[in-house]
Amino acid sequence: MAFLSTIDIIGSGITAQHLRLDIISENITNMNTTRTEAGGPYRRKVTVFQAESGKDAFRNELVAAQGRAAAASNAGFARTAGVRVAGIIEDQSDFKLRYDPTDPDANENGYVELPNVDLVKEIADGMAASQAYNSNVTAFNLIKNVISKGLELGK
């Protein structure tokens, strides 16, 4: 049933964009954090997506249908197409500096290292992630309507 794989693809996009929005929120929340447990200011985080082609899914199903022994070890692990979060990495760009010798986090020259978070960039990324999330929800609603209309034909 092709519509089930379509729902899986849409679901992977919704999940990935939801995590992306969470990371963007974390960045904005910590844009003024000058001290972390690791030491130093907060470092901006970025999500890295990886496309999943799902091209081996049919091959795995065919092997399983033929009853090969190798299929038993791969059963249930057939990949579907979509997207997955490959990782969350830290942005290695330079920290911003602000002169404030009274700050407890200031260095010997009186400069405080601030996080490398740019509010404008985070808002733009958040808008893009929100738009992608909404697009996936729209696609899900469309496939739901198509399935519903198909079931009505059977009445």
Protein backbone atom coordinates (compact mmCIF):
# COMPACT_ATOMS: atom_id res chain seq x y z
CA MET A 1 0.00 0.00 0.00
CA ALA A 2 1.79 3.04 -1.30
CA PHE A 3 -0.12 5.51 0.83
CA LEU A 4 1.38 3.99 3.99
CA SER A 5 4.90 4.72 2.77
CA THR A 6 3.73 8.24 1.88
CA ILE A 7 2.53 8.70 5.45
CA ASP A 8 5.92 7.45 6.70
CA ILE A 9 7.72 9.98 4.50
CA ILE A 10 5.50 12.83 5.68
CA GLY A 11 5.89 11.72 9.29
CA SER A 12 9.67 11.73 9.01
CA GLY A 13 9.53 15.31 7.70
CA ILE A 14 7.25 16.44 10.52
CA THR A 15 9.51 14.82 13.12
CA ALA A 16 12.68 16.32 11.63
CA GLN A 17 11.24 19.84 11.41
CA HIS A 18 9.88 19.58 14.95
CA LEU A 19 13.37 18.78 16.24
CA ARG A 20 14.80 21.63 14.14
CA LEU A 21 12.33 24.04 15.77
CA ASP A 22 13.32 22.73 19.21
CA ILE A 23 17.00 23.38 18.48
CA ILE A 24 16.23 26.89 17.18
CA SER A 25 14.26 27.58 20.37
CA GLU A 26 17.20 26.38 22.46
CA ASN A 27 19.53 28.70 20.54
CA ILE A 28 17.28 31.73 21.09
CA THR A 29 16.83 30.86 24.77
CA ASN A 30 20.59 30.75 25.29
CA MET A 31 21.59 33.73 23.16
CA ASN A 32 22.80 35.59 26.28
CA THR A 33 24.31 32.64 28.16
CA THR A 34 27.95 33.47 28.82
CA ARG A 35 28.71 30.51 31.07
CA THR A 36 27.98 26.83 30.43
CA GLU A 37 28.87 23.60 32.20
CA ALA A 38 31.47 22.92 29.52
CA GLY A 39 33.00 26.33 30.14
CA GLY A 40 32.72 29.41 27.99
CA PRO A 41 29.62 30.80 26.32
CA TYR A 42 26.82 28.82 24.73
CA ARG A 43 27.62 27.63 21.22
CA ARG A 44 24.86 27.69 18.59
CA LYS A 45 23.54 24.27 17.52
CA VAL A 46 22.42 23.25 14.04
CA THR A 47 20.47 20.18 12.89
CA VAL A 48 21.86 18.15 10.03
CA PHE A 49 19.35 16.28 7.87
CA GLN A 50 20.02 13.23 5.74
CA ALA A 51 17.82 11.97 2.94
CA GLU A 52 16.67 8.38 3.16
CA SER A 53 16.07 6.94 -0.29
CA GLY A 54 14.25 3.81 0.84
CA LYS A 55 15.49 2.07 -2.30
CA ASP A 56 16.46 -1.09 -0.40
CA ALA A 57 12.96 -1.50 1.07
CA PHE A 58 11.62 -3.39 -1.96
CA ARG A 59 14.72 -5.59 -2.14
CA ASN A 60 14.34 -6.53 1.54
CA GLU A 61 10.64 -7.31 1.10
CA LEU A 62 11.40 -9.47 -1.96
CA VAL A 63 14.05 -11.42 -0.07
CA ALA A 64 11.65 -11.88 2.86
CA ALA A 65 8.88 -13.08 0.51
CA GLN A 66 11.24 -15.67 -0.96
CA GLY A 67 11.87 -16.96 2.56
CA ARG A 68 15.62 -16.63 2.52
CA ALA A 69 17.38 -17.04 5.84
CA ALA A 70 19.12 -13.69 5.48
CA ALA A 71 15.74 -12.02 5.35
CA ALA A 72 14.93 -13.15 8.87
CA SER A 73 17.80 -11.07 10.25
CA ASN A 74 16.67 -8.02 8.25
CA ALA A 75 12.94 -8.39 8.92
CA GLY A 76 11.39 -5.23 10.27
CA PHE A 77 14.40 -3.10 9.40
CA ALA A 78 13.44 -2.09 5.86
CA ARG A 79 14.04 1.62 5.44
CA THR A 80 11.41 3.84 4.00
CA ALA A 81 12.14 7.00 2.09
CA GLY A 82 12.07 10.30 3.90
CA VAL A 83 14.42 12.34 6.02
CA ARG A 84 16.21 11.68 9.26
CA VAL A 85 18.24 13.84 11.57
CA ALA A 86 21.84 12.76 11.03
CA GLY A 87 23.04 14.80 13.96
CA ILE A 88 23.05 18.01 15.89
CA ILE A 89 26.32 19.85 15.51
CA GLU A 90 27.73 22.96 17.13
CA ASP A 91 28.39 26.01 14.97
CA GLN A 92 32.14 26.64 15.11
CA SER A 93 31.95 30.32 14.15
CA ASP A 94 33.68 32.83 16.42
CA PHE A 95 32.05 34.16 19.54
CA LYS A 96 31.05 37.81 19.71
CA LEU A 97 33.04 40.06 22.05
CA ARG A 98 31.65 42.82 24.25
CA TYR A 99 33.74 45.15 26.37
CA ASP A 100 32.51 45.03 29.97
CA PRO A 101 35.30 44.79 32.57
CA THR A 102 32.70 44.63 35.38
CA ASP A 103 31.21 41.36 34.12
CA PRO A 104 32.37 38.32 36.14
CA ASP A 105 32.94 36.42 32.88
CA ALA A 106 35.22 39.09 31.41
CA ASN A 107 38.73 38.08 30.44
CA GLU A 108 41.90 39.88 31.57
CA ASN A 109 41.37 42.54 28.85
CA GLY A 110 37.79 43.24 29.99
CA TYR A 111 36.05 41.49 27.09
CA VAL A 112 33.18 39.06 27.56
CA GLU A 113 32.66 36.29 25.02
CA LEU A 114 29.02 36.12 23.95
CA PRO A 115 27.31 33.19 22.21
CA ASN A 116 27.57 32.96 18.43
CA VAL A 117 23.76 33.09 18.14
CA ASP A 118 22.33 35.67 15.73
CA LEU A 119 18.66 36.38 16.44
CA VAL A 120 17.89 37.36 12.84
CA LYS A 121 19.38 34.10 11.53
CA GLU A 122 17.48 32.07 14.12
CA ILE A 123 14.18 33.77 13.26
CA ALA A 124 14.76 33.15 9.55
CA ASP A 125 15.63 29.49 10.22
CA GLY A 126 12.58 29.20 12.47
CA MET A 127 10.32 30.59 9.75
CA ALA A 128 11.75 28.14 7.21
CA ALA A 129 11.34 25.21 9.61
CA SER A 130 7.80 26.29 10.45
CA GLN A 131 6.91 26.55 6.76
CA ALA A 132 8.36 23.09 6.06
CA TYR A 133 6.46 21.69 9.06
CA ASN A 134 3.21 23.25 7.81
CA SER A 135 3.85 21.88 4.31
CA ASN A 136 4.20 18.38 5.73
CA VAL A 137 0.97 18.80 7.71
CA THR A 138 -0.80 19.95 4.54
CA ALA A 139 0.53 16.92 2.64
CA PHE A 140 -0.65 14.65 5.46
CA ASN A 141 -4.14 16.17 5.38
CA LEU A 142 -4.22 15.72 1.60
CA ILE A 143 -3.30 12.02 1.77
CA LYS A 144 -5.84 11.58 4.58
CA ASN A 145 -8.55 13.08 2.36
CA VAL A 146 -7.53 10.88 -0.59
CA ILE A 147 -7.75 7.76 1.59
CA SER A 148 -11.11 8.88 2.98
CA LYS A 149 -12.53 9.45 -0.53
CA GLY A 150 -11.21 6.07 -1.63
CA LEU A 151 -13.00 4.38 1.26
CA GLU A 152 -16.22 6.19 0.34
CA LEU A 153 -16.04 4.71 -3.16
CA GLY A 154 -16.30 1.25 -1.65
CA LYS A 155 -19.69 1.98 -0.05
